[in-house]
PDB file of N, CA and C in Angstrom:
ATOM      1  N   UNK A   1     -75.171 -48.292-107.517  1.00  0.00           N
ATOM      2  CA  UNK A   1     -74.345 -47.936-108.652  1.00  0.00           C
ATOM      3  C   UNK A   1     -73.756 -46.538-108.440  1.00  0.00           C
ATOM      4  N   UNK A   2     -72.436 -46.446-108.544  1.00  0.00           N
ATOM      5  CA  UNK A   2     -71.755 -45.179-108.313  1.00  0.00           C
ATOM      6  C   UNK A   2     -72.003 -44.229-109.477  1.00  0.00           C
ATOM      7  N   UNK A   3     -72.265 -42.982-109.140  1.00  0.00           N
ATOM      8  CA  UNK A   3     -72.503 -41.977-110.162  1.00  0.00           C
ATOM      9  C   UNK A   3     -72.026 -40.614-109.686  1.00  0.00           C
ATOM     10  N   UNK A   4     -71.350 -39.889-110.568  1.00  0.00           N
ATOM     11  CA  UNK A   4     -70.994 -38.489-110.365  1.00  0.00           C
ATOM     12  C   UNK A   4     -71.481 -37.746-111.602  1.00  0.00           C
ATOM     13  N   UNK A   5     -72.360 -36.796-111.407  1.00  0.00           N
ATOM     14  CA  UNK A   5     -72.951 -36.096-112.537  1.00  0.00           C
ATOM     15  C   UNK A   5     -72.691 -34.601-112.405  1.00  0.00           C
ATOM     16  N   UNK A   6     -71.887 -34.084-113.324  1.00  0.00           N
ATOM     17  CA  UNK A   6     -71.599 -32.648-113.332  1.00  0.00           C
ATOM     18  C   UNK A   6     -72.670 -31.895-114.118  1.00  0.00           C
ATOM     19  N   UNK A   7     -72.873 -30.664-113.718  1.00  0.00           N
ATOM     20  CA  UNK A   7     -73.806 -29.793-114.434  1.00  0.00           C
ATOM     21  C   UNK A   7     -73.383 -28.345-114.210  1.00  0.00           C
ATOM     22  N   UNK A   8     -74.001 -27.444-114.981  1.00  0.00           N
ATOM     23  CA  UNK A   8     -73.740 -26.021-114.797  1.00  0.00           C
ATOM     24  C   UNK A   8     -72.798 -25.409-115.807  1.00  0.00           C
ATOM     25  N   UNK A   9     -72.229 -26.223-116.679  1.00  0.00           N
ATOM     26  CA  UNK A   9     -71.349 -25.675-117.698  1.00  0.00           C
ATOM     27  C   UNK A   9     -72.126 -24.910-118.760  1.00  0.00           C
ATOM     28  N   UNK A  10     -71.375 -24.239-119.637  1.00  0.00           N
ATOM     29  CA  UNK A  10     -72.024 -23.490-120.698  1.00  0.00           C
ATOM     30  C   UNK A  10     -71.083 -22.482-121.310  1.00  0.00           C
ATOM     31  N   UNK A  11     -71.661 -21.577-122.066  1.00  0.00           N
ATOM     32  CA  UNK A  11     -70.916 -20.511-122.722  1.00  0.00           C
ATOM     33  C   UNK A  11     -71.059 -19.232-121.913  1.00  0.00           C
ATOM     34  N   UNK A  12     -69.932 -18.589-121.618  1.00  0.00           N
ATOM     35  CA  UNK A  12     -69.945 -17.358-120.837  1.00  0.00           C
ATOM     36  C   UNK A  12     -68.909 -16.409-121.415  1.00  0.00           C
ATOM     37  N   UNK A  13     -69.166 -15.122-121.289  1.00  0.00           N
ATOM     38  CA  UNK A  13     -68.219 -14.122-121.773  1.00  0.00           C
ATOM     39  C   UNK A  13     -67.058 -13.960-120.803  1.00  0.00           C
ATOM     40  N   UNK A  14     -65.917 -13.527-121.290  1.00  0.00           N
ATOM     41  CA  UNK A  14     -64.789 -13.248-120.386  1.00  0.00           C
ATOM     42  C   UNK A  14     -65.211 -12.288-119.280  1.00  0.00           C
ATOM     43  N   UNK A  15     -64.765 -12.603-118.070  1.00  0.00           N
ATOM     44  CA  UNK A  15     -65.149 -11.821-116.909  1.00  0.00           C
ATOM     45  C   UNK A  15     -66.413 -12.310-116.232  1.00  0.00           C
ATOM     46  N   UNK A  16     -67.097 -13.231-116.861  1.00  0.00           N
ATOM     47  CA  UNK A  16     -68.349 -13.753-116.306  1.00  0.00           C
ATOM     48  C   UNK A  16     -68.137 -14.836-115.273  1.00  0.00           C
ATOM     49  N   UNK A  17     -69.246 -15.402-114.815  1.00  0.00           N
ATOM     50  CA  UNK A  17     -69.218 -16.409-113.758  1.00  0.00           C
ATOM     51  C   UNK A  17     -70.075 -17.612-114.139  1.00  0.00           C
ATOM     52  N   UNK A  18     -69.691 -18.733-113.591  1.00  0.00           N
ATOM     53  CA  UNK A  18     -70.476 -19.963-113.688  1.00  0.00           C
ATOM     54  C   UNK A  18     -70.332 -20.725-112.376  1.00  0.00           C
ATOM     55  N   UNK A  19     -71.350 -21.499-112.054  1.00  0.00           N
ATOM     56  CA  UNK A  19     -71.276 -22.374-110.889  1.00  0.00           C
ATOM     57  C   UNK A  19     -71.508 -23.801-111.349  1.00  0.00           C
ATOM     58  N   UNK A  20     -70.496 -24.619-111.183  1.00  0.00           N
ATOM     59  CA  UNK A  20     -70.611 -26.032-111.524  1.00  0.00           C
ATOM     60  C   UNK A  20     -71.070 -26.816-110.304  1.00  0.00           C
ATOM     61  N   UNK A  21     -71.834 -27.861-110.561  1.00  0.00           N
ATOM     62  CA  UNK A  21     -72.266 -28.778-109.511  1.00  0.00           C
ATOM     63  C   UNK A  21     -71.879 -30.194-109.912  1.00  0.00           C
ATOM     64  N   UNK A  22     -71.651 -31.000-108.912  1.00  0.00           N
ATOM     65  CA  UNK A  22     -71.372 -32.418-109.134  1.00  0.00           C
ATOM     66  C   UNK A  22     -72.159 -33.199-108.096  1.00  0.00           C
ATOM     67  N   UNK A  23     -73.175 -33.885-108.559  1.00  0.00           N
ATOM     68  CA  UNK A  23     -74.049 -34.656-107.675  1.00  0.00           C
ATOM     69  C   UNK A  23     -73.576 -36.099-107.613  1.00  0.00           C
ATOM     70  N   UNK A  24     -73.376 -36.594-106.395  1.00  0.00           N
ATOM     71  CA  UNK A  24     -72.849 -37.937-106.189  1.00  0.00           C
ATOM     72  C   UNK A  24     -73.938 -38.879-105.682  1.00  0.00           C
ATOM     73  N   UNK A  25     -73.814 -40.129-106.054  1.00  0.00           N
ATOM     74  CA  UNK A  25     -74.715 -41.151-105.540  1.00  0.00           C
ATOM     75  C   UNK A  25     -74.028 -42.505-105.618  1.00  0.00           C
ATOM     76  N   UNK A  26     -74.512 -43.443-104.808  1.00  0.00           N
ATOM     77  CA  UNK A  26     -73.990 -44.807-104.868  1.00  0.00           C
ATOM     78  C   UNK A  26     -72.795 -45.079-103.981  1.00  0.00           C
ATOM     79  N   UNK A  27     -72.371 -44.082-103.199  1.00  0.00           N
ATOM     80  CA  UNK A  27     -71.281 -44.290-102.256  1.00  0.00           C
ATOM     81  C   UNK A  27     -71.449 -43.295-101.107  1.00  0.00           C
ATOM     82  N   UNK A  28     -70.677 -43.500-100.043  1.00  0.00           N
ATOM     83  CA  UNK A  28     -70.788 -42.640 -98.869  1.00  0.00           C
ATOM     84  C   UNK A  28     -69.991 -41.374 -99.110  1.00  0.00           C
ATOM     85  N   UNK A  29     -70.692 -40.348 -99.529  1.00  0.00           N
ATOM     86  CA  UNK A  29     -70.067 -39.107 -99.976  1.00  0.00           C
ATOM     87  C   UNK A  29     -69.153 -38.505 -98.910  1.00  0.00           C
ATOM     88  N   UNK A  30     -69.581 -38.570 -97.654  1.00  0.00           N
ATOM     89  CA  UNK A  30     -68.830 -37.947 -96.558  1.00  0.00           C
ATOM     90  C   UNK A  30     -67.431 -38.540 -96.393  1.00  0.00           C
ATOM     91  N   UNK A  31     -67.198 -39.736 -96.904  1.00  0.00           N
ATOM     92  CA  UNK A  31     -65.906 -40.402 -96.745  1.00  0.00           C
ATOM     93  C   UNK A  31     -64.894 -40.032 -97.824  1.00  0.00           C
ATOM     94  N   UNK A  32     -65.335 -39.222 -98.757  1.00  0.00           N
ATOM     95  CA  UNK A  32     -64.513 -38.951 -99.935  1.00  0.00           C
ATOM     96  C   UNK A  32     -64.121 -37.486-100.031  1.00  0.00           C
ATOM     97  N   UNK A  33     -62.821 -37.265-100.242  1.00  0.00           N
ATOM     98  CA  UNK A  33     -62.374 -35.940-100.653  1.00  0.00           C
ATOM     99  C   UNK A  33     -62.801 -35.733-102.100  1.00  0.00           C
ATOM    100  N   UNK A  34     -63.112 -34.500-102.429  1.00  0.00           N
ATOM    101  CA  UNK A  34     -63.600 -34.197-103.771  1.00  0.00           C
ATOM    102  C   UNK A  34     -62.670 -33.210-104.464  1.00  0.00           C
ATOM    103  N   UNK A  35     -62.559 -33.355-105.751  1.00  0.00           N
ATOM    104  CA  UNK A  35     -61.703 -32.461-106.539  1.00  0.00           C
ATOM    105  C   UNK A  35     -62.380 -32.121-107.847  1.00  0.00           C
ATOM    106  N   UNK A  36     -61.949 -31.007-108.407  1.00  0.00           N
ATOM    107  CA  UNK A  36     -62.314 -30.634-109.766  1.00  0.00           C
ATOM    108  C   UNK A  36     -61.041 -30.651-110.615  1.00  0.00           C
ATOM    109  N   UNK A  37     -61.173 -31.192-111.798  1.00  0.00           N
ATOM    110  CA  UNK A  37     -60.116 -31.199-112.797  1.00  0.00           C
ATOM    111  C   UNK A  37     -60.682 -30.581-114.072  1.00  0.00           C
ATOM    112  N   UNK A  38     -59.789 -30.268-114.985  1.00  0.00           N
ATOM    113  CA  UNK A  38     -60.249 -29.794-116.285  1.00  0.00           C
ATOM    114  C   UNK A  38     -59.299 -30.273-117.369  1.00  0.00           C
ATOM    115  N   UNK A  39     -59.848 -30.343-118.568  1.00  0.00           N
ATOM    116  CA  UNK A  39     -59.046 -30.746-119.719  1.00  0.00           C
ATOM    117  C   UNK A  39     -59.435 -29.898-120.915  1.00  0.00           C
ATOM    118  N   UNK A  40     -58.464 -29.122-121.385  1.00  0.00           N
ATOM    119  CA  UNK A  40     -58.665 -28.299-122.563  1.00  0.00           C
ATOM    120  C   UNK A  40     -58.292 -29.098-123.804  1.00  0.00           C
ATOM    121  N   UNK A  41     -58.814 -28.721-124.960  1.00  0.00           N
ATOM    122  CA  UNK A  41     -58.494 -29.444-126.187  1.00  0.00           C
ATOM    123  C   UNK A  41     -56.992 -29.518-126.424  1.00  0.00           C
ATOM    124  N   UNK A  42     -56.504 -30.725-126.672  1.00  0.00           N
ATOM    125  CA  UNK A  42     -55.092 -30.913-126.962  1.00  0.00           C
ATOM    126  C   UNK A  42     -54.173 -30.868-125.770  1.00  0.00           C
ATOM    127  N   UNK A  43     -54.759 -30.763-124.574  1.00  0.00           N
ATOM    128  CA  UNK A  43     -53.936 -30.686-123.367  1.00  0.00           C
ATOM    129  C   UNK A  43     -54.284 -31.825-122.417  1.00  0.00           C
ATOM    130  N   UNK A  44     -53.378 -32.058-121.483  1.00  0.00           N
ATOM    131  CA  UNK A  44     -53.631 -33.086-120.486  1.00  0.00           C
ATOM    132  C   UNK A  44     -54.609 -32.563-119.431  1.00  0.00           C
ATOM    133  N   UNK A  45     -55.279 -33.505-118.789  1.00  0.00           N
ATOM    134  CA  UNK A  45     -56.170 -33.132-117.700  1.00  0.00           C
ATOM    135  C   UNK A  45     -55.341 -32.567-116.549  1.00  0.00           C
ATOM    136  N   UNK A  46     -55.849 -31.486-115.937  1.00  0.00           N
ATOM    137  CA  UNK A  46     -55.114 -30.859-114.840  1.00  0.00           C
ATOM    138  C   UNK A  46     -56.034 -30.637-113.641  1.00  0.00           C
ATOM    139  N   UNK A  47     -55.422 -30.708-112.489  1.00  0.00           N
ATOM    140  CA  UNK A  47     -56.150 -30.489-111.245  1.00  0.00           C
ATOM    141  C   UNK A  47     -56.457 -29.012-111.077  1.00  0.00           C
ATOM    142  N   UNK A  48     -57.654 -28.709-110.588  1.00  0.00           N
ATOM    143  CA  UNK A  48     -58.093 -27.333-110.408  1.00  0.00           C
ATOM    144  C   UNK A  48     -58.242 -26.966-108.931  1.00  0.00           C
ATOM    145  N   UNK A  49     -58.955 -27.815-108.188  1.00  0.00           N
ATOM    146  CA  UNK A  49     -59.230 -27.508-106.786  1.00  0.00           C
ATOM    147  C   UNK A  49     -59.635 -28.778-106.065  1.00  0.00           C
ATOM    148  N   UNK A  50     -59.439 -28.783-104.737  1.00  0.00           N
ATOM    149  CA  UNK A  50     -59.825 -29.929-103.938  1.00  0.00           C
ATOM    150  C   UNK A  50     -60.393 -29.496-102.605  1.00  0.00           C
ATOM    151  N   UNK A  51     -61.200 -30.375-102.015  1.00  0.00           N
ATOM    152  CA  UNK A  51     -61.819 -30.087-100.728  1.00  0.00           C
ATOM    153  C   UNK A  51     -61.856 -31.364 -99.913  1.00  0.00           C
ATOM    154  N   UNK A  52     -61.610 -31.234 -98.629  1.00  0.00           N
ATOM    155  CA  UNK A  52     -61.573 -32.391 -97.740  1.00  0.00           C
ATOM    156  C   UNK A  52     -62.969 -32.932 -97.486  1.00  0.00           C
ATOM    157  N   UNK A  53     -63.009 -34.043 -96.773  1.00  0.00           N
ATOM    158  CA  UNK A  53     -64.280 -34.768 -96.597  1.00  0.00           C
ATOM    159  C   UNK A  53     -65.375 -33.931 -95.949  1.00  0.00           C
ATOM    160  N   UNK A  54     -65.001 -33.102 -94.970  1.00  0.00           N
ATOM    161  CA  UNK A  54     -66.017 -32.285 -94.300  1.00  0.00           C
ATOM    162  C   UNK A  54     -65.926 -30.819 -94.691  1.00  0.00           C
ATOM    163  N   UNK A  55     -65.077 -30.531 -95.659  1.00  0.00           N
ATOM    164  CA  UNK A  55     -65.026 -29.188 -96.201  1.00  0.00           C
ATOM    165  C   UNK A  55     -64.158 -28.199 -95.458  1.00  0.00           C
ATOM    166  N   UNK A  56     -63.387 -28.689 -94.494  1.00  0.00           N
ATOM    167  CA  UNK A  56     -62.560 -27.760 -93.714  1.00  0.00           C
ATOM    168  C   UNK A  56     -61.368 -27.264 -94.515  1.00  0.00           C
ATOM    169  N   UNK A  57     -60.796 -28.152 -95.314  1.00  0.00           N
ATOM    170  CA  UNK A  57     -59.583 -27.816 -96.064  1.00  0.00           C
ATOM    171  C   UNK A  57     -59.891 -27.730 -97.549  1.00  0.00           C
ATOM    172  N   UNK A  58     -59.435 -26.634 -98.149  1.00  0.00           N
ATOM    173  CA  UNK A  58     -59.558 -26.469 -99.598  1.00  0.00           C
ATOM    174  C   UNK A  58     -58.188 -26.087-100.159  1.00  0.00           C
ATOM    175  N   UNK A  59     -57.976 -26.486-101.391  1.00  0.00           N
ATOM    176  CA  UNK A  59     -56.725 -26.162-102.072  1.00  0.00           C
ATOM    177  C   UNK A  59     -57.032 -25.824-103.525  1.00  0.00           C
ATOM    178  N   UNK A  60     -56.187 -24.965-104.101  1.00  0.00           N
ATOM    179  CA  UNK A  60     -56.434 -24.492-105.458  1.00  0.00           C
ATOM    180  C   UNK A  60     -55.139 -24.477-106.263  1.00  0.00           C
ATOM    181  N   UNK A  61     -55.281 -24.732-107.539  1.00  0.00           N
ATOM    182  CA  UNK A  61     -54.173 -24.516-108.458  1.00  0.00           C
ATOM    183  C   UNK A  61     -53.909 -23.019-108.548  1.00  0.00           C
ATOM    184  N   UNK A  62     -52.660 -22.658-108.757  1.00  0.00           N
ATOM    185  CA  UNK A  62     -52.311 -21.234-108.776  1.00  0.00           C
ATOM    186  C   UNK A  62     -53.108 -20.452-109.817  1.00  0.00           C
ATOM    187  N   UNK A  63     -53.423 -21.102-110.931  1.00  0.00           N
ATOM    188  CA  UNK A  63     -54.066 -20.366-112.015  1.00  0.00           C
ATOM    189  C   UNK A  63     -55.537 -20.057-111.745  1.00  0.00           C
ATOM    190  N   UNK A  64     -56.108 -20.567-110.641  1.00  0.00           N
ATOM    191  CA  UNK A  64     -57.496 -20.227-110.313  1.00  0.00           C
ATOM    192  C   UNK A  64     -57.633 -19.572-108.941  1.00  0.00           C
ATOM    193  N   UNK A  65     -56.547 -19.470-108.200  1.00  0.00           N
ATOM    194  CA  UNK A  65     -56.625 -18.873-106.872  1.00  0.00           C
ATOM    195  C   UNK A  65     -57.186 -17.461-106.936  1.00  0.00           C
ATOM    196  N   UNK A  66     -58.107 -17.189-106.043  1.00  0.00           N
ATOM    197  CA  UNK A  66     -58.730 -15.875-106.001  1.00  0.00           C
ATOM    198  C   UNK A  66     -59.896 -15.713-106.956  1.00  0.00           C
ATOM    199  N   UNK A  67     -60.097 -16.676-107.851  1.00  0.00           N
ATOM    200  CA  UNK A  67     -61.196 -16.599-108.820  1.00  0.00           C
ATOM    201  C   UNK A  67     -62.210 -17.722-108.627  1.00  0.00           C
ATOM    202  N   UNK A  68     -61.747 -18.898-108.263  1.00  0.00           N
ATOM    203  CA  UNK A  68     -62.612 -20.063-108.120  1.00  0.00           C
ATOM    204  C   UNK A  68     -62.753 -20.421-106.643  1.00  0.00           C
ATOM    205  N   UNK A  69     -63.912 -20.958-106.285  1.00  0.00           N
ATOM    206  CA  UNK A  69     -64.150 -21.421-104.922  1.00  0.00           C
ATOM    207  C   UNK A  69     -64.812 -22.790-104.967  1.00  0.00           C
ATOM    208  N   UNK A  70     -64.207 -23.748-104.279  1.00  0.00           N
ATOM    209  CA  UNK A  70     -64.794 -25.087-104.176  1.00  0.00           C
ATOM    210  C   UNK A  70     -65.521 -25.189-102.844  1.00  0.00           C
ATOM    211  N   UNK A  71     -66.660 -25.856-102.856  1.00  0.00           N
ATOM    212  CA  UNK A  71     -67.423 -26.068-101.631  1.00  0.00           C
ATOM    213  C   UNK A  71     -68.186 -27.374-101.767  1.00  0.00           C
ATOM    214  N   UNK A  72     -68.740 -27.842-100.666  1.00  0.00           N
ATOM    215  CA  UNK A  72     -69.515 -29.084-100.704  1.00  0.00           C
ATOM    216  C   UNK A  72     -70.653 -29.003 -99.716  1.00  0.00           C
ATOM    217  N   UNK A  73     -71.703 -29.719-100.020  1.00  0.00           N
ATOM    218  CA  UNK A  73     -72.853 -29.856 -99.139  1.00  0.00           C
ATOM    219  C   UNK A  73     -73.064 -31.353 -98.940  1.00  0.00           C
ATOM    220  N   UNK A  74     -72.603 -31.864 -97.824  1.00  0.00           N
ATOM    221  CA  UNK A  74     -72.686 -33.308 -97.593  1.00  0.00           C
ATOM    222  C   UNK A  74     -74.127 -33.781 -97.407  1.00  0.00           C
ATOM    223  N   UNK A  75     -75.000 -32.903 -97.011  1.00  0.00           N
ATOM    224  CA  UNK A  75     -76.412 -33.270 -96.877  1.00  0.00           C
ATOM    225  C   UNK A  75     -77.044 -33.510 -98.248  1.00  0.00           C
ATOM    226  N   UNK A  76     -76.488 -32.869 -99.262  1.00  0.00           N
ATOM    227  CA  UNK A  76     -77.002 -33.016-100.629  1.00  0.00           C
ATOM    228  C   UNK A  76     -76.093 -33.866-101.508  1.00  0.00           C
ATOM    229  N   UNK A  77     -75.010 -34.388-100.933  1.00  0.00           N
ATOM    230  CA  UNK A  77     -74.051 -35.200-101.709  1.00  0.00           C
ATOM    231  C   UNK A  77     -73.582 -34.473-102.960  1.00  0.00           C
ATOM    232  N   UNK A  78     -73.266 -33.212-102.790  1.00  0.00           N
ATOM    233  CA  UNK A  78     -72.918 -32.382-103.939  1.00  0.00           C
ATOM    234  C   UNK A  78     -71.690 -31.528-103.635  1.00  0.00           C
ATOM    235  N   UNK A  79     -70.846 -31.414-104.642  1.00  0.00           N
ATOM    236  CA  UNK A  79     -69.704 -30.510-104.570  1.00  0.00           C
ATOM    237  C   UNK A  79     -69.886 -29.448-105.650  1.00  0.00           C
ATOM    238  N   UNK A  80     -69.416 -28.251-105.349  1.00  0.00           N
ATOM    239  CA  UNK A  80     -69.610 -27.113-106.247  1.00  0.00           C
ATOM    240  C   UNK A  80     -68.271 -26.490-106.624  1.00  0.00           C
ATOM    241  N   UNK A  81     -68.280 -25.802-107.740  1.00  0.00           N
ATOM    242  CA  UNK A  81     -67.143 -24.979-108.124  1.00  0.00           C
ATOM    243  C   UNK A  81     -67.701 -23.650-108.633  1.00  0.00           C
ATOM    244  N   UNK A  82     -67.536 -22.621-107.823  1.00  0.00           N
ATOM    245  CA  UNK A  82     -67.933 -21.281-108.228  1.00  0.00           C
ATOM    246  C   UNK A  82     -66.769 -20.664-108.980  1.00  0.00           C
ATOM    247  N   UNK A  83     -67.021 -20.268-110.207  1.00  0.00           N
ATOM    248  CA  UNK A  83     -65.967 -19.731-111.061  1.00  0.00           C
ATOM    249  C   UNK A  83     -66.301 -18.288-111.422  1.00  0.00           C
ATOM    250  N   UNK A  84     -65.462 -17.382-110.988  1.00  0.00           N
ATOM    251  CA  UNK A  84     -65.637 -15.965-111.272  1.00  0.00           C
ATOM    252  C   UNK A  84     -64.481 -15.448-112.123  1.00  0.00           C
ATOM    253  N   UNK A  85     -64.677 -14.285-112.690  1.00  0.00           N
ATOM    254  CA  UNK A  85     -63.629 -13.652-113.508  1.00  0.00           C
ATOM    255  C   UNK A  85     -63.053 -14.623-114.532  1.00  0.00           C
ATOM    256  N   UNK A  86     -63.932 -15.288-115.228  1.00  0.00           N
ATOM    257  CA  UNK A  86     -63.507 -16.318-116.169  1.00  0.00           C
ATOM    258  C   UNK A  86     -62.720 -15.737-117.334  1.00  0.00           C
ATOM    259  N   UNK A  87     -61.754 -16.506-117.784  1.00  0.00           N
ATOM    260  CA  UNK A  87     -60.871 -16.120-118.880  1.00  0.00           C
ATOM    261  C   UNK A  87     -61.021 -17.135-120.020  1.00  0.00           C
ATOM    262  N   UNK A  88     -60.689 -16.739-121.221  1.00  0.00           N
ATOM    263  CA  UNK A  88     -60.758 -17.699-122.332  1.00  0.00           C
ATOM    264  C   UNK A  88     -59.929 -18.957-122.074  1.00  0.00           C
ATOM    265  N   UNK A  89     -58.839 -18.818-121.367  1.00  0.00           N
ATOM    266  CA  UNK A  89     -57.989 -19.985-121.075  1.00  0.00           C
ATOM    267  C   UNK A  89     -58.611 -20.932-120.054  1.00  0.00           C
ATOM    268  N   UNK A  90     -59.721 -20.554-119.469  1.00  0.00           N
ATOM    269  CA  UNK A  90     -60.455 -21.464-118.588  1.00  0.00           C
ATOM    270  C   UNK A  90     -61.353 -22.419-119.384  1.00  0.00           C
ATOM    271  N   UNK A  91     -61.434 -22.220-120.672  1.00  0.00           N
ATOM    272  CA  UNK A  91     -62.239 -23.099-121.517  1.00  0.00           C
ATOM    273  C   UNK A  91     -61.718 -24.521-121.451  1.00  0.00           C
ATOM    274  N   UNK A  92     -62.601 -25.440-121.084  1.00  0.00           N
ATOM    275  CA  UNK A  92     -62.205 -26.842-120.917  1.00  0.00           C
ATOM    276  C   UNK A  92     -63.441 -27.653-120.553  1.00  0.00           C
ATOM    277  N   UNK A  93     -63.263 -28.957-120.557  1.00  0.00           N
ATOM    278  CA  UNK A  93     -64.247 -29.843-119.945  1.00  0.00           C
ATOM    279  C   UNK A  93     -63.835 -30.003-118.482  1.00  0.00           C
ATOM    280  N   UNK A  94     -64.784 -29.763-117.598  1.00  0.00           N
ATOM    281  CA  UNK A  94     -64.531 -29.831-116.162  1.00  0.00           C
ATOM    282  C   UNK A  94     -65.109 -31.123-115.596  1.00  0.00           C
ATOM    283  N   UNK A  95     -64.267 -31.804-114.816  1.00  0.00           N
ATOM    284  CA  UNK A  95     -64.632 -33.090-114.236  1.00  0.00           C
ATOM    285  C   UNK A  95     -64.546 -33.023-112.716  1.00  0.00           C
ATOM    286  N   UNK A  96     -65.423 -33.737-112.051  1.00  0.00           N
ATOM    287  CA  UNK A  96     -65.251 -33.910-110.617  1.00  0.00           C
ATOM    288  C   UNK A  96     -64.751 -35.317-110.341  1.00  0.00           C
ATOM    289  N   UNK A  97     -64.028 -35.434-109.245  1.00  0.00           N
ATOM    290  CA  UNK A  97     -63.470 -36.713-108.838  1.00  0.00           C
ATOM    291  C   UNK A  97     -63.662 -36.902-107.345  1.00  0.00           C
ATOM    292  N   UNK A  98     -64.025 -38.110-106.984  1.00  0.00           N
ATOM    293  CA  UNK A  98     -64.141 -38.494-105.580  1.00  0.00           C
ATOM    294  C   UNK A  98     -63.011 -39.451-105.260  1.00  0.00           C
ATOM    295  N   UNK A  99     -62.343 -39.217-104.142  1.00  0.00           N
ATOM    296  CA  UNK A  99     -61.236 -40.104-103.757  1.00  0.00           C
ATOM    297  C   UNK A  99     -61.281 -40.383-102.262  1.00  0.00           C
ATOM    298  N   UNK A 100     -61.157 -41.660-101.929  1.00  0.00           N
ATOM    299  CA  UNK A 100     -61.096 -42.049-100.529  1.00  0.00           C
ATOM    300  C   UNK A 100     -59.659 -42.432-100.204  1.00  0.00           C
ATOM    301  N   UNK A 101     -58.995 -41.564 -99.496  1.00  0.00           N
ATOM    302  CA  UNK A 101     -57.588 -41.776 -99.174  1.00  0.00           C
ATOM    303  C   UNK A 101     -57.424 -43.023 -98.295  1.00  0.00           C
ATOM    304  N   UNK A 102     -56.366 -43.776 -98.596  1.00  0.00           N
ATOM    305  CA  UNK A 102     -56.070 -44.964 -97.818  1.00  0.00           C
ATOM    306  C   UNK A 102     -56.756 -46.207 -98.331  1.00  0.00           C
ATOM    307  N   UNK A 103     -57.712 -46.036 -99.244  1.00  0.00           N
ATOM    308  CA  UNK A 103     -58.446 -47.171 -99.790  1.00  0.00           C
ATOM    309  C   UNK A 103     -58.210 -47.346-101.293  1.00  0.00           C
ATOM    310  N   UNK A 104     -57.568 -46.357-101.891  1.00  0.00           N
ATOM    311  CA  UNK A 104     -57.298 -46.463-103.322  1.00  0.00           C
ATOM    312  C   UNK A 104     -58.530 -46.412-104.189  1.00  0.00           C
ATOM    313  N   UNK A 105     -59.602 -45.848-103.663  1.00  0.00           N
ATOM    314  CA  UNK A 105     -60.864 -45.807-104.404  1.00  0.00           C
ATOM    315  C   UNK A 105     -61.090 -44.407-104.947  1.00  0.00           C
ATOM    316  N   UNK A 106     -61.396 -44.320-106.207  1.00  0.00           N
ATOM    317  CA  UNK A 106     -61.739 -43.030-106.777  1.00  0.00           C
ATOM    318  C   UNK A 106     -62.740 -43.198-107.913  1.00  0.00           C
ATOM    319  N   UNK A 107     -63.554 -42.157-108.080  1.00  0.00           N
ATOM    320  CA  UNK A 107     -64.582 -42.151-109.114  1.00  0.00           C
ATOM    321  C   UNK A 107     -64.521 -40.821-109.851  1.00  0.00           C
ATOM    322  N   UNK A 108     -64.882 -40.884-111.129  1.00  0.00           N
ATOM    323  CA  UNK A 108     -64.884 -39.697-111.977  1.00  0.00           C
ATOM    324  C   UNK A 108     -66.271 -39.467-112.563  1.00  0.00           C
ATOM    325  N   UNK A 109     -66.602 -38.196-112.760  1.00  0.00           N
ATOM    326  CA  UNK A 109     -67.798 -37.854-113.503  1.00  0.00           C
ATOM    327  C   UNK A 109     -67.506 -37.832-114.993  1.00  0.00           C
ATOM    328  N   UNK A 110     -68.542 -37.525-115.765  1.00  0.00           N
ATOM    329  CA  UNK A 110     -68.417 -37.562-117.221  1.00  0.00           C
ATOM    330  C   UNK A 110     -67.985 -36.217-117.807  1.00  0.00           C
ATOM    331  N   UNK A 111     -68.024 -35.176-116.986  1.00  0.00           N
ATOM    332  CA  UNK A 111     -67.556 -33.868-117.413  1.00  0.00           C
ATOM    333  C   UNK A 111     -68.650 -32.940-117.892  1.00  0.00           C
ATOM    334  N   UNK A 112     -68.370 -31.648-117.787  1.00  0.00           N
ATOM    335  CA  UNK A 112     -69.277 -30.620-118.297  1.00  0.00           C
ATOM    336  C   UNK A 112     -68.426 -29.559-119.005  1.00  0.00           C
ATOM    337  N   UNK A 113     -68.892 -29.131-120.160  1.00  0.00           N
ATOM    338  CA  UNK A 113     -68.111 -28.200-120.978  1.00  0.00           C
ATOM    339  C   UNK A 113     -68.292 -26.765-120.490  1.00  0.00           C
ATOM    340  N   UNK A 114     -67.177 -26.077-120.337  1.00  0.00           N
ATOM    341  CA  UNK A 114     -67.175 -24.654-120.038  1.00  0.00           C
ATOM    342  C   UNK A 114     -66.441 -23.944-121.167  1.00  0.00           C
ATOM    343  N   UNK A 115     -67.112 -22.994-121.785  1.00  0.00           N
ATOM    344  CA  UNK A 115     -66.513 -22.229-122.868  1.00  0.00           C
ATOM    345  C   UNK A 115     -66.574 -20.747-122.520  1.00  0.00           C
ATOM    346  N   UNK A 116     -65.410 -20.109-122.519  1.00  0.00           N
ATOM    347  CA  UNK A 116     -65.329 -18.686-122.210  1.00  0.00           C
ATOM    348  C   UNK A 116     -64.924 -17.958-123.489  1.00  0.00           C
ATOM    349  N   UNK A 117     -65.856 -17.213-124.025  1.00  0.00           N
ATOM    350  CA  UNK A 117     -65.621 -16.573-125.321  1.00  0.00           C
ATOM    351  C   UNK A 117     -66.568 -15.393-125.493  1.00  0.00           C
ATOM    352  N   UNK A 118     -66.081 -14.385-126.193  1.00  0.00           N
ATOM    353  CA  UNK A 118     -66.936 -13.243-126.508  1.00  0.00           C
ATOM    354  C   UNK A 118     -67.601 -13.440-127.870  1.00  0.00           C
TER     355      UNK A 118
END
């Protein structure tokens, strides 16, 4: 059974840091590129960052460049999102997604809430 479980969200003050994790199971993690998305209240879900199957290539949305870092540990079937210098506008539910290019297969986690507020 395929599962993506995010964790690490919470309440943090502006300028603070959080590290999100997404633990995968039920599929061959190494075959999937991983991404983080977020959805703020009243807004559409937006892409945040992505990482290739073996972690060589990473990409970021302009609004998180220099603040967020995506990484993965294929031995642990886990992808991470290190978030630094958090801003109130980073408040959202953060989701991870697994996608296998060329096969049309993708999976989503259930999301973890991140709230940046003083």
